[in-house]
Amino acid sequence: MLKGRKILITGATGEVARAIAESLAAANEVWAAARFTNAALRQRLEAQKIRTCTWTLGDDDFTGLPDDFDHVIHAACNIFPVANDYDASIRDNAEGTGLLMTHVRRAKSFLYVSSLAAYSEVPDNGTPRKETDPQGCHQRFAPSYGIGKTATEAVVRTLARIHRLPTLIGRLGMNYGIGCSGAPDFYFRDMMAGKPIVVPPRGVSYCSLVHNSDVVEWVEPLLAAASVPANIVNWTGDDWVDEREMVEFMARIARLSPKLVEDPKAGYYGGVADPTKRRAITGPARPWKQSFLEMLRANYPDHVFVDVD
């Protein structure tokens, strides 16, 4: 367990980064840098003795933000405002990350939160991607997102070498867990509301899941695995699942019978990653079915779920 360290976490109002910040706050001096457009989230962090600093990814003004951190976890990302603006996505995300890395270059390690969206699309979405596989994707929900991640990875890799800053690039999978939003919860909320569920055909859209508790617990070993040149790791769980199977499983354990509307254009197409390298660093992940049951029971305490068989 990390103790007595000075740690910067960017994008700390997002679910993944916020969970990491809150898990580290009791035993470390944690700083959270974000735009903080939501005052309530800022107050929540500060109530846990997390020091906050207003900062926008892409800006070169680091007033109020120290430069002597032991570790940096960089999760800030500009997505939807630049969803169709490739130039702005690269400017804000890639250039902004370069400016940040230069500011914190004295750190002992730097963890960049990338995404499986960096991988190029393949004919079979269920093919596990290795860390060395081709990149270059145009995500349906934000076309510039994958390119922005790939460009940022290039900057991170370069500055890790220039500054001799031990770095790990973690390509995050589909996050889920207690209190989390995201694709699984979006689907389930619609089920509970009695809405038709638009799903891709079976065998078309797969995703590598990762439990939020695993994400948090793996931060320390991933930081320890940072290196020069940068280490690149698929930050996913051990399981990948057909998106339609995921929907049907949640419906079954919730004893719901939603109307499924099949649409080839539907789905999140999160992609599948080979977890072999990550497992060697962190050990095994939580199994998805039992974890989904625990998540749904916690998130929807008034609903009765059946046990996983």
C-alpha atoms as a PDB file:
ATOM      1  CA  MET A   1       0.000   0.000   0.000  1.00  0.00           C
ATOM      2  CA  LEU A   2       1.310   3.434  -0.927  1.00  0.00           C
ATOM      3  CA  LYS A   3       1.994   5.519   2.184  1.00  0.00           C
ATOM      4  CA  GLY A   4       3.539   8.898   2.817  1.00  0.00           C
ATOM      5  CA  ARG A   5       3.774   9.818  -0.861  1.00  0.00           C
ATOM      6  CA  LYS A   6       2.889  13.042  -2.631  1.00  0.00           C
ATOM      7  CA  ILE A   7       0.613  12.055  -5.497  1.00  0.00           C
ATOM      8  CA  LEU A   8      -1.028  14.061  -8.280  1.00  0.00           C
ATOM      9  CA  ILE A   9      -4.182  12.748  -9.925  1.00  0.00           C
ATOM     10  CA  THR A  10      -5.562  14.635 -12.916  1.00  0.00           C
ATOM     11  CA  GLY A  11      -9.135  14.400 -14.104  1.00  0.00           C
ATOM     12  CA  ALA A  12     -10.121  13.578 -10.532  1.00  0.00           C
ATOM     13  CA  THR A  13     -13.782  14.438 -11.041  1.00  0.00           C
ATOM     14  CA  GLY A  14     -14.147  11.411 -13.319  1.00  0.00           C
ATOM     15  CA  GLU A  15     -15.227   8.128 -11.759  1.00  0.00           C
ATOM     16  CA  VAL A  16     -11.986   6.227 -12.293  1.00  0.00           C
ATOM     17  CA  ALA A  17      -9.621   8.953 -11.137  1.00  0.00           C
ATOM     18  CA  ARG A  18     -11.856   9.992  -8.243  1.00  0.00           C
ATOM     19  CA  ALA A  19     -11.942   6.433  -6.907  1.00  0.00           C
ATOM     20  CA  ILE A  20      -8.147   6.276  -7.090  1.00  0.00           C
ATOM     21  CA  ALA A  21      -7.775   9.633  -5.333  1.00  0.00           C
ATOM     22  CA  GLU A  22     -10.149   8.683  -2.548  1.00  0.00           C
ATOM     23  CA  SER A  23      -8.437   5.333  -1.999  1.00  0.00           C
ATOM     24  CA  LEU A  24      -5.032   6.988  -1.587  1.00  0.00           C
ATOM     25  CA  ALA A  25      -6.072  10.022   0.451  1.00  0.00           C
ATOM     26  CA  ALA A  26      -5.897   8.528   3.950  1.00  0.00           C
ATOM     27  CA  ALA A  27      -2.226   7.541   3.775  1.00  0.00           C
ATOM     28  CA  ASN A  28      -0.774  10.046   1.303  1.00  0.00           C
ATOM     29  CA  GLU A  29      -0.724  13.719   0.348  1.00  0.00           C
ATOM     30  CA  VAL A  30      -3.048  13.616  -2.641  1.00  0.00           C
ATOM     31  CA  TRP A  31      -3.554  16.475  -5.064  1.00  0.00           C
ATOM     32  CA  ALA A  32      -6.418  16.531  -7.539  1.00  0.00           C
ATOM     33  CA  ALA A  33      -6.194  18.677 -10.664  1.00  0.00           C
ATOM     34  CA  ALA A  34      -9.277  19.221 -12.803  1.00  0.00           C
ATOM     35  CA  ARG A  35     -11.545  21.927 -14.197  1.00  0.00           C
ATOM     36  CA  PHE A  36     -13.906  21.455 -11.235  1.00  0.00           C
ATOM     37  CA  THR A  37     -17.025  22.683 -12.969  1.00  0.00           C
ATOM     38  CA  ASN A  38     -18.970  20.654 -10.391  1.00  0.00           C
ATOM     39  CA  ALA A  39     -18.529  22.351  -7.019  1.00  0.00           C
ATOM     40  CA  ALA A  40     -20.060  19.419  -5.140  1.00  0.00           C
ATOM     41  CA  LEU A  41     -17.405  17.014  -6.430  1.00  0.00           C
ATOM     42  CA  ARG A  42     -14.673  19.409  -5.390  1.00  0.00           C
ATOM     43  CA  GLN A  43     -16.150  19.650  -1.906  1.00  0.00           C
ATOM     44  CA  ARG A  44     -16.379  15.863  -1.726  1.00  0.00           C
ATOM     45  CA  LEU A  45     -12.671  15.526  -2.473  1.00  0.00           C
ATOM     46  CA  GLU A  46     -11.642  18.309  -0.126  1.00  0.00           C
ATOM     47  CA  ALA A  47     -13.706  16.747   2.668  1.00  0.00           C
ATOM     48  CA  GLN A  48     -11.314  13.789   2.435  1.00  0.00           C
ATOM     49  CA  LYS A  49      -8.272  16.078   2.803  1.00  0.00           C
ATOM     50  CA  ILE A  50      -7.497  15.925  -0.907  1.00  0.00           C
ATOM     51  CA  ARG A  51      -5.915  19.159  -2.102  1.00  0.00           C
ATOM     52  CA  THR A  52      -7.547  20.535  -5.222  1.00  0.00           C
ATOM     53  CA  CYS A  53      -6.190  22.734  -7.981  1.00  0.00           C
ATOM     54  CA  THR A  54      -8.164  24.162 -10.883  1.00  0.00           C
ATOM     55  CA  TRP A  55      -6.439  23.229 -14.124  1.00  0.00           C
ATOM     56  CA  THR A  56      -7.523  22.631 -17.708  1.00  0.00           C
ATOM     57  CA  LEU A  57      -5.811  20.005 -19.855  1.00  0.00           C
ATOM     58  CA  GLY A  58      -4.054  21.847 -22.666  1.00  0.00           C
ATOM     59  CA  ASP A  59      -3.202  24.948 -20.641  1.00  0.00           C
ATOM     60  CA  ASP A  60       0.417  25.791 -19.906  1.00  0.00           C
ATOM     61  CA  ASP A  61      -0.462  27.672 -16.713  1.00  0.00           C
ATOM     62  CA  PHE A  62       0.315  25.491 -13.695  1.00  0.00           C
ATOM     63  CA  THR A  63      -0.077  28.211 -11.088  1.00  0.00           C
ATOM     64  CA  GLY A  64      -0.802  26.639  -7.726  1.00  0.00           C
ATOM     65  CA  LEU A  65       0.217  23.138  -8.797  1.00  0.00           C
ATOM     66  CA  PRO A  66       3.477  21.856  -7.264  1.00  0.00           C
ATOM     67  CA  ASP A  67       6.123  20.159  -9.377  1.00  0.00           C
ATOM     68  CA  ASP A  68       7.620  17.849  -6.742  1.00  0.00           C
ATOM     69  CA  PHE A  69       5.258  14.874  -6.798  1.00  0.00           C
ATOM     70  CA  ASP A  70       6.429  11.337  -6.117  1.00  0.00           C
ATOM     71  CA  HIS A  71       3.846   9.857  -8.464  1.00  0.00           C
ATOM     72  CA  VAL A  72       1.502  11.230 -11.122  1.00  0.00           C
ATOM     73  CA  ILE A  73      -1.649   9.482 -12.331  1.00  0.00           C
ATOM     74  CA  HIS A  74      -2.856  11.311 -15.420  1.00  0.00           C
ATOM     75  CA  ALA A  75      -6.477  10.524 -16.222  1.00  0.00           C
ATOM     76  CA  ALA A  76      -7.657  13.905 -17.538  1.00  0.00           C
ATOM     77  CA  CYS A  77      -9.020  13.736 -21.066  1.00  0.00           C
ATOM     78  CA  ASN A  78     -11.024  16.090 -23.252  1.00  0.00           C
ATOM     79  CA  ILE A  79     -13.553  13.923 -25.106  1.00  0.00           C
ATOM     80  CA  PHE A  80     -16.972  15.226 -26.057  1.00  0.00           C
ATOM     81  CA  PRO A  81     -16.261  18.946 -26.631  1.00  0.00           C
ATOM     82  CA  VAL A  82     -13.741  17.882 -29.308  1.00  0.00           C
ATOM     83  CA  ALA A  83     -15.500  14.680 -30.420  1.00  0.00           C
ATOM     84  CA  ASN A  84     -15.441  15.689 -34.090  1.00  0.00           C
ATOM     85  CA  ASP A  85     -12.463  18.039 -33.991  1.00  0.00           C
ATOM     86  CA  TYR A  86      -9.320  15.978 -34.480  1.00  0.00           C
ATOM     87  CA  ASP A  87      -6.995  18.958 -34.336  1.00  0.00           C
ATOM     88  CA  ALA A  88      -8.434  20.134 -31.025  1.00  0.00           C
ATOM     89  CA  SER A  89      -8.350  16.616 -29.605  1.00  0.00           C
ATOM     90  CA  ILE A  90      -4.640  16.321 -30.354  1.00  0.00           C
ATOM     91  CA  ARG A  91      -3.936  19.862 -29.150  1.00  0.00           C
ATOM     92  CA  ASP A  92      -5.735  19.500 -25.831  1.00  0.00           C
ATOM     93  CA  ASN A  93      -4.911  15.895 -25.026  1.00  0.00           C
ATOM     94  CA  ALA A  94      -1.506  15.255 -26.585  1.00  0.00           C
ATOM     95  CA  GLU A  95       0.067  18.704 -26.286  1.00  0.00           C
ATOM     96  CA  GLY A  96      -1.569  19.218 -22.896  1.00  0.00           C
ATOM     97  CA  THR A  97      -0.094  15.979 -21.602  1.00  0.00           C
ATOM     98  CA  GLY A  98       3.340  16.978 -22.843  1.00  0.00           C
ATOM     99  CA  LEU A  99       3.111  20.245 -20.938  1.00  0.00           C
ATOM    100  CA  LEU A 100       2.028  18.377 -17.806  1.00  0.00           C
ATOM    101  CA  MET A 101       4.820  15.797 -18.025  1.00  0.00           C
ATOM    102  CA  THR A 102       7.379  18.555 -18.369  1.00  0.00           C
ATOM    103  CA  HIS A 103       5.971  20.301 -15.291  1.00  0.00           C
ATOM    104  CA  VAL A 104       6.115  17.120 -13.149  1.00  0.00           C
ATOM    105  CA  ARG A 105       9.241  15.630 -14.707  1.00  0.00           C
ATOM    106  CA  ARG A 106      10.915  15.158 -11.289  1.00  0.00           C
ATOM    107  CA  ALA A 107       8.369  12.477 -10.336  1.00  0.00           C
ATOM    108  CA  LYS A 108       9.469   8.937  -9.564  1.00  0.00           C
ATOM    109  CA  SER A 109       6.785   7.512 -11.840  1.00  0.00           C
ATOM    110  CA  PHE A 110       4.042   8.613 -14.242  1.00  0.00           C
ATOM    111  CA  LEU A 111       0.930   6.562 -15.017  1.00  0.00           C
ATOM    112  CA  TYR A 112      -1.036   7.613 -18.094  1.00  0.00           C
ATOM    113  CA  VAL A 113      -4.618   6.377 -18.317  1.00  0.00           C
ATOM    114  CA  SER A 114      -5.120   5.557 -21.984  1.00  0.00           C
ATOM    115  CA  SER A 115      -7.872   3.407 -23.489  1.00  0.00           C
ATOM    116  CA  LEU A 116      -8.544   0.335 -25.585  1.00  0.00           C
ATOM    117  CA  ALA A 117     -10.025   2.884 -27.992  1.00  0.00           C
ATOM    118  CA  ALA A 118      -6.457   3.464 -29.165  1.00  0.00           C
ATOM    119  CA  TYR A 119      -6.494   0.158 -31.058  1.00  0.00           C
ATOM    120  CA  SER A 120      -7.538   0.069 -34.686  1.00  0.00           C
ATOM    121  CA  GLU A 121     -10.769  -1.681 -35.573  1.00  0.00           C
ATOM    122  CA  VAL A 122     -10.520  -5.289 -36.702  1.00  0.00           C
ATOM    123  CA  PRO A 123     -13.022  -7.427 -38.656  1.00  0.00           C
ATOM    124  CA  ASP A 124     -13.585  -9.611 -35.588  1.00  0.00           C
ATOM    125  CA  ASN A 125     -14.241  -7.374 -32.578  1.00  0.00           C
ATOM    126  CA  GLY A 126     -13.737 -10.407 -30.337  1.00  0.00           C
ATOM    127  CA  THR A 127     -10.050 -10.783 -31.228  1.00  0.00           C
ATOM    128  CA  PRO A 128      -7.885  -9.959 -28.173  1.00  0.00           C
ATOM    129  CA  ARG A 129      -5.496  -7.118 -28.895  1.00  0.00           C
ATOM    130  CA  LYS A 130      -1.918  -7.247 -27.644  1.00  0.00           C
ATOM    131  CA  GLU A 131      -0.056  -4.127 -26.606  1.00  0.00           C
ATOM    132  CA  THR A 132       1.929  -4.176 -29.861  1.00  0.00           C
ATOM    133  CA  ASP A 133      -1.114  -4.412 -32.159  1.00  0.00           C
ATOM    134  CA  PRO A 134      -2.032  -1.645 -34.665  1.00  0.00           C
ATOM    135  CA  GLN A 135      -3.594   1.575 -33.433  1.00  0.00           C
ATOM    136  CA  GLY A 136      -5.944   4.123 -34.967  1.00  0.00           C
ATOM    137  CA  CYS A 137      -9.659   3.958 -34.210  1.00  0.00           C
ATOM    138  CA  HIS A 138     -12.607   6.299 -34.768  1.00  0.00           C
ATOM    139  CA  GLN A 139     -15.035   5.600 -31.933  1.00  0.00           C
ATOM    140  CA  ARG A 140     -18.709   5.970 -32.758  1.00  0.00           C
ATOM    141  CA  PHE A 141     -19.495   7.943 -29.612  1.00  0.00           C
ATOM    142  CA  ALA A 142     -16.591  10.371 -30.151  1.00  0.00           C
ATOM    143  CA  PRO A 143     -14.722   9.912 -33.459  1.00  0.00           C
ATOM    144  CA  SER A 144     -11.582  11.810 -32.417  1.00  0.00           C
ATOM    145  CA  TYR A 145     -11.199   9.973 -29.092  1.00  0.00           C
ATOM    146  CA  GLY A 146      -9.043   7.068 -30.259  1.00  0.00           C
ATOM    147  CA  ILE A 147      -6.777   9.268 -32.365  1.00  0.00           C
ATOM    148  CA  GLY A 148      -6.367  11.635 -29.423  1.00  0.00           C
ATOM    149  CA  LYS A 149      -5.319   8.727 -27.224  1.00  0.00           C
ATOM    150  CA  THR A 150      -2.830   7.428 -29.779  1.00  0.00           C
ATOM    151  CA  ALA A 151      -1.315  10.886 -30.256  1.00  0.00           C
ATOM    152  CA  THR A 152      -1.067  11.329 -26.504  1.00  0.00           C
ATOM    153  CA  GLU A 153       0.624   7.964 -26.101  1.00  0.00           C
ATOM    154  CA  ALA A 154       3.274   9.068 -28.594  1.00  0.00           C
ATOM    155  CA  VAL A 155       3.943  12.223 -26.589  1.00  0.00           C
ATOM    156  CA  VAL A 156       4.059  10.264 -23.322  1.00  0.00           C
ATOM    157  CA  ARG A 157       6.518   7.759 -24.753  1.00  0.00           C
ATOM    158  CA  THR A 158       8.756  10.517 -26.087  1.00  0.00           C
ATOM    159  CA  LEU A 159       8.832  12.590 -22.903  1.00  0.00           C
ATOM    160  CA  ALA A 160       9.422   9.528 -20.749  1.00  0.00           C
ATOM    161  CA  ARG A 161      12.707   9.163 -22.618  1.00  0.00           C
ATOM    162  CA  ILE A 162      13.574  12.860 -22.763  1.00  0.00           C
ATOM    163  CA  HIS A 163      12.967  13.418 -19.041  1.00  0.00           C
ATOM    164  CA  ARG A 164      14.046   9.928 -17.949  1.00  0.00           C
ATOM    165  CA  LEU A 165      10.678   9.701 -16.218  1.00  0.00           C
ATOM    166  CA  PRO A 166       9.602   6.098 -15.498  1.00  0.00           C
ATOM    167  CA  THR A 167       6.232   5.764 -17.200  1.00  0.00           C
ATOM    168  CA  LEU A 168       3.461   3.245 -17.691  1.00  0.00           C
ATOM    169  CA  ILE A 169       0.682   3.627 -20.252  1.00  0.00           C
ATOM    170  CA  GLY A 170      -2.404   1.723 -19.130  1.00  0.00           C
ATOM    171  CA  ARG A 171      -5.018   1.084 -21.817  1.00  0.00           C
ATOM    172  CA  LEU A 172      -8.195   0.982 -19.775  1.00  0.00           C
ATOM    173  CA  GLY A 173     -11.079  -1.331 -20.612  1.00  0.00           C
ATOM    174  CA  MET A 174     -14.807  -0.943 -19.888  1.00  0.00           C
ATOM    175  CA  ASN A 175     -15.000   0.157 -16.265  1.00  0.00           C
ATOM    176  CA  TYR A 176     -17.810  -1.025 -13.986  1.00  0.00           C
ATOM    177  CA  GLY A 177     -18.448  -1.387 -10.277  1.00  0.00           C
ATOM    178  CA  ILE A 178     -20.407  -0.253  -7.249  1.00  0.00           C
ATOM    179  CA  GLY A 179     -21.454   3.358  -7.709  1.00  0.00           C
ATOM    180  CA  CYS A 180     -20.170   3.475 -11.283  1.00  0.00           C
ATOM    181  CA  SER A 181     -22.040   4.627 -14.331  1.00  0.00           C
ATOM    182  CA  GLY A 182     -20.932   3.453 -17.766  1.00  0.00           C
ATOM    183  CA  ALA A 183     -22.309   1.027 -20.328  1.00  0.00           C
ATOM    184  CA  PRO A 184     -23.476  -1.780 -17.978  1.00  0.00           C
ATOM    185  CA  ASP A 185     -25.345   0.674 -15.771  1.00  0.00           C
ATOM    186  CA  PHE A 186     -26.795   2.553 -18.750  1.00  0.00           C
ATOM    187  CA  TYR A 187     -28.281  -0.692 -20.036  1.00  0.00           C
ATOM    188  CA  PHE A 188     -29.632  -1.711 -16.657  1.00  0.00           C
ATOM    189  CA  ARG A 189     -31.251   1.641 -15.902  1.00  0.00           C
ATOM    190  CA  ASP A 190     -33.148   1.404 -19.171  1.00  0.00           C
ATOM    191  CA  MET A 191     -34.268  -2.119 -18.264  1.00  0.00           C
ATOM    192  CA  MET A 192     -35.546  -0.922 -14.902  1.00  0.00           C
ATOM    193  CA  ALA A 193     -37.399   1.898 -16.641  1.00  0.00           C
ATOM    194  CA  GLY A 194     -39.093  -0.569 -18.970  1.00  0.00           C
ATOM    195  CA  LYS A 195     -37.506   0.881 -22.080  1.00  0.00           C
ATOM    196  CA  PRO A 196     -36.677  -1.206 -25.163  1.00  0.00           C
ATOM    197  CA  ILE A 197     -33.001  -2.159 -25.119  1.00  0.00           C
ATOM    198  CA  VAL A 198     -31.214  -1.585 -28.410  1.00  0.00           C
ATOM    199  CA  VAL A 199     -28.424  -4.136 -28.711  1.00  0.00           C
ATOM    200  CA  PRO A 200     -25.995  -5.281 -31.394  1.00  0.00           C
ATOM    201  CA  PRO A 201     -26.386  -8.769 -32.874  1.00  0.00           C
ATOM    202  CA  ARG A 202     -24.748 -11.580 -30.962  1.00  0.00           C
ATOM    203  CA  GLY A 203     -21.076 -12.062 -31.779  1.00  0.00           C
ATOM    204  CA  VAL A 204     -20.549  -8.536 -33.116  1.00  0.00           C
ATOM    205  CA  SER A 205     -19.606  -6.292 -30.183  1.00  0.00           C
ATOM    206  CA  TYR A 206     -17.318  -7.483 -27.396  1.00  0.00           C
ATOM    207  CA  CYS A 207     -15.712  -5.609 -24.528  1.00  0.00           C
ATOM    208  CA  SER A 208     -12.975  -6.224 -21.987  1.00  0.00           C
ATOM    209  CA  LEU A 209     -14.404  -5.440 -18.578  1.00  0.00           C
ATOM    210  CA  VAL A 210     -12.468  -4.125 -15.582  1.00  0.00           C
ATOM    211  CA  HIS A 211     -13.879  -3.759 -12.073  1.00  0.00           C
ATOM    212  CA  ASN A 212     -13.328  -0.358 -10.500  1.00  0.00           C
ATOM    213  CA  SER A 213     -11.945  -1.985  -7.350  1.00  0.00           C
ATOM    214  CA  ASP A 214      -9.360  -3.793  -9.469  1.00  0.00           C
ATOM    215  CA  VAL A 215      -8.456  -0.508 -11.143  1.00  0.00           C
ATOM    216  CA  VAL A 216      -7.809   1.047  -7.735  1.00  0.00           C
ATOM    217  CA  GLU A 217      -5.908  -1.916  -6.306  1.00  0.00           C
ATOM    218  CA  TRP A 218      -3.661  -2.210  -9.348  1.00  0.00           C
ATOM    219  CA  VAL A 219      -2.399   1.379  -9.208  1.00  0.00           C
ATOM    220  CA  GLU A 220       0.513   0.532  -6.924  1.00  0.00           C
ATOM    221  CA  PRO A 221       1.877  -2.418  -8.949  1.00  0.00           C
ATOM    222  CA  LEU A 222       1.382  -0.511 -12.190  1.00  0.00           C
ATOM    223  CA  LEU A 223       3.341   2.454 -10.836  1.00  0.00           C
ATOM    224  CA  ALA A 224       6.047   0.023  -9.747  1.00  0.00           C
ATOM    225  CA  ALA A 225       6.143  -1.349 -13.304  1.00  0.00           C
ATOM    226  CA  ALA A 226       6.761   2.094 -14.831  1.00  0.00           C
ATOM    227  CA  SER A 227       9.955   2.257 -16.856  1.00  0.00           C
ATOM    228  CA  VAL A 228      12.021   4.085 -19.446  1.00  0.00           C
ATOM    229  CA  PRO A 229      11.113   3.500 -22.253  1.00  0.00           C
ATOM    230  CA  ALA A 230       7.478   3.593 -21.219  1.00  0.00           C
ATOM    231  CA  ASN A 231       5.826   0.299 -20.358  1.00  0.00           C
ATOM    232  CA  ILE A 232       2.500  -0.302 -22.149  1.00  0.00           C
ATOM    233  CA  VAL A 233      -0.129  -2.511 -20.509  1.00  0.00           C
ATOM    234  CA  ASN A 234      -3.733  -3.449 -21.249  1.00  0.00           C
ATOM    235  CA  TRP A 235      -5.457  -2.220 -18.078  1.00  0.00           C
ATOM    236  CA  THR A 236      -8.365  -4.651 -18.246  1.00  0.00           C
ATOM    237  CA  GLY A 237      -9.806  -7.560 -16.335  1.00  0.00           C
ATOM    238  CA  ASP A 238      -9.403 -11.200 -17.292  1.00  0.00           C
ATOM    239  CA  ASP A 239     -12.824 -11.479 -18.935  1.00  0.00           C
ATOM    240  CA  TRP A 240     -14.229 -10.214 -22.178  1.00  0.00           C
ATOM    241  CA  VAL A 241     -17.884 -10.549 -22.930  1.00  0.00           C
ATOM    242  CA  ASP A 242     -20.283 -10.295 -25.829  1.00  0.00           C
ATOM    243  CA  GLU A 243     -22.245  -7.108 -25.243  1.00  0.00           C
ATOM    244  CA  ARG A 244     -25.554  -8.840 -25.883  1.00  0.00           C
ATOM    245  CA  GLU A 245     -24.630 -11.613 -23.438  1.00  0.00           C
ATOM    246  CA  MET A 246     -23.913  -8.946 -20.827  1.00  0.00           C
ATOM    247  CA  VAL A 247     -27.383  -7.439 -21.288  1.00  0.00           C
ATOM    248  CA  GLU A 248     -29.100 -10.826 -21.178  1.00  0.00           C
ATOM    249  CA  PHE A 249     -27.177 -11.819 -18.045  1.00  0.00           C
ATOM    250  CA  MET A 250     -28.237  -8.682 -16.162  1.00  0.00           C
ATOM    251  CA  ALA A 251     -31.839  -9.226 -17.217  1.00  0.00           C
ATOM    252  CA  ARG A 252     -31.742 -12.840 -16.008  1.00  0.00           C
ATOM    253  CA  ILE A 253     -30.344 -12.179 -12.537  1.00  0.00           C
ATOM    254  CA  ALA A 254     -32.753  -9.251 -12.151  1.00  0.00           C
ATOM    255  CA  ARG A 255     -35.716 -11.363 -13.329  1.00  0.00           C
ATOM    256  CA  LEU A 256     -36.548  -8.795 -15.968  1.00  0.00           C
ATOM    257  CA  SER A 257     -37.812  -9.432 -19.490  1.00  0.00           C
ATOM    258  CA  PRO A 258     -36.820  -6.373 -21.497  1.00  0.00           C
ATOM    259  CA  LYS A 259     -37.693  -6.026 -25.142  1.00  0.00           C
ATOM    260  CA  LEU A 260     -34.418  -6.378 -27.063  1.00  0.00           C
ATOM    261  CA  VAL A 261     -34.241  -4.477 -30.327  1.00  0.00           C
ATOM    262  CA  GLU A 262     -31.401  -5.680 -32.537  1.00  0.00           C
ATOM    263  CA  ASP A 263     -29.476  -3.041 -34.459  1.00  0.00           C
ATOM    264  CA  PRO A 264     -26.110  -3.703 -36.169  1.00  0.00           C
ATOM    265  CA  LYS A 265     -25.143  -0.084 -35.503  1.00  0.00           C
ATOM    266  CA  ALA A 266     -25.854  -0.332 -31.780  1.00  0.00           C
ATOM    267  CA  GLY A 267     -23.322  -1.172 -29.090  1.00  0.00           C
ATOM    268  CA  TYR A 268     -20.237   0.321 -27.515  1.00  0.00           C
ATOM    269  CA  TYR A 269     -17.663  -1.813 -29.362  1.00  0.00           C
ATOM    270  CA  GLY A 270     -15.260  -1.494 -26.460  1.00  0.00           C
ATOM    271  CA  GLY A 271     -12.867  -4.018 -27.925  1.00  0.00           C
ATOM    272  CA  VAL A 272     -11.065  -6.975 -26.427  1.00  0.00           C
ATOM    273  CA  ALA A 273      -7.587  -6.919 -24.928  1.00  0.00           C
ATOM    274  CA  ASP A 274      -5.132  -9.654 -24.062  1.00  0.00           C
ATOM    275  CA  PRO A 275      -4.629  -9.427 -20.252  1.00  0.00           C
ATOM    276  CA  THR A 276      -1.521 -11.625 -20.104  1.00  0.00           C
ATOM    277  CA  LYS A 277       0.980  -8.830 -19.499  1.00  0.00           C
ATOM    278  CA  ARG A 278      -1.202  -7.129 -16.902  1.00  0.00           C
ATOM    279  CA  ARG A 279      -1.788 -10.407 -15.024  1.00  0.00           C
ATOM    280  CA  ALA A 280       1.979 -10.833 -14.680  1.00  0.00           C
ATOM    281  CA  ILE A 281       2.106  -7.444 -12.936  1.00  0.00           C
ATOM    282  CA  THR A 282      -1.061  -7.452 -10.826  1.00  0.00           C
ATOM    283  CA  GLY A 283      -2.283 -11.019 -10.526  1.00  0.00           C
ATOM    284  CA  PRO A 284      -5.825 -12.142 -11.428  1.00  0.00           C
ATOM    285  CA  ALA A 285      -8.909  -9.946 -11.734  1.00  0.00           C
ATOM    286  CA  ARG A 286     -12.374 -10.261 -10.232  1.00  0.00           C
ATOM    287  CA  PRO A 287     -14.724 -12.529 -12.255  1.00  0.00           C
ATOM    288  CA  TRP A 288     -17.309 -10.488 -14.092  1.00  0.00           C
ATOM    289  CA  LYS A 289     -20.547 -12.373 -13.405  1.00  0.00           C
ATOM    290  CA  GLN A 290     -20.288 -12.456  -9.622  1.00  0.00           C
ATOM    291  CA  SER A 291     -19.006  -8.883  -9.659  1.00  0.00           C
ATOM    292  CA  PHE A 292     -21.969  -7.728 -11.758  1.00  0.00           C
ATOM    293  CA  LEU A 293     -24.340  -9.306  -9.235  1.00  0.00           C
ATOM    294  CA  GLU A 294     -22.601  -7.548  -6.334  1.00  0.00           C
ATOM    295  CA  MET A 295     -22.635  -4.261  -8.257  1.00  0.00           C
ATOM    296  CA  LEU A 296     -26.329  -4.425  -9.094  1.00  0.00           C
ATOM    297  CA  ARG A 297     -27.311  -5.415  -5.558  1.00  0.00           C
ATOM    298  CA  ALA A 298     -25.381  -2.457  -4.171  1.00  0.00           C
ATOM    299  CA  ASN A 299     -26.555   0.039  -6.789  1.00  0.00           C
ATOM    300  CA  TYR A 300     -30.198  -1.106  -6.698  1.00  0.00           C
ATOM    301  CA  PRO A 301     -30.768  -2.235  -3.088  1.00  0.00           C
ATOM    302  CA  ASP A 302     -34.557  -2.261  -3.405  1.00  0.00           C
ATOM    303  CA  HIS A 303     -34.545  -4.758  -6.260  1.00  0.00           C
ATOM    304  CA  VAL A 304     -34.311  -8.514  -5.708  1.00  0.00           C
ATOM    305  CA  PHE A 305     -31.655 -10.357  -7.703  1.00  0.00           C
ATOM    306  CA  VAL A 306     -31.091 -14.095  -8.005  1.00  0.00           C
ATOM    307  CA  ASP A 307     -27.715 -15.668  -7.311  1.00  0.00           C
ATOM    308  CA  VAL A 308     -25.300 -16.446 -10.121  1.00  0.00           C
ATOM    309  CA  ASP A 309     -25.540 -20.132 -11.025  1.00  0.00           C
END
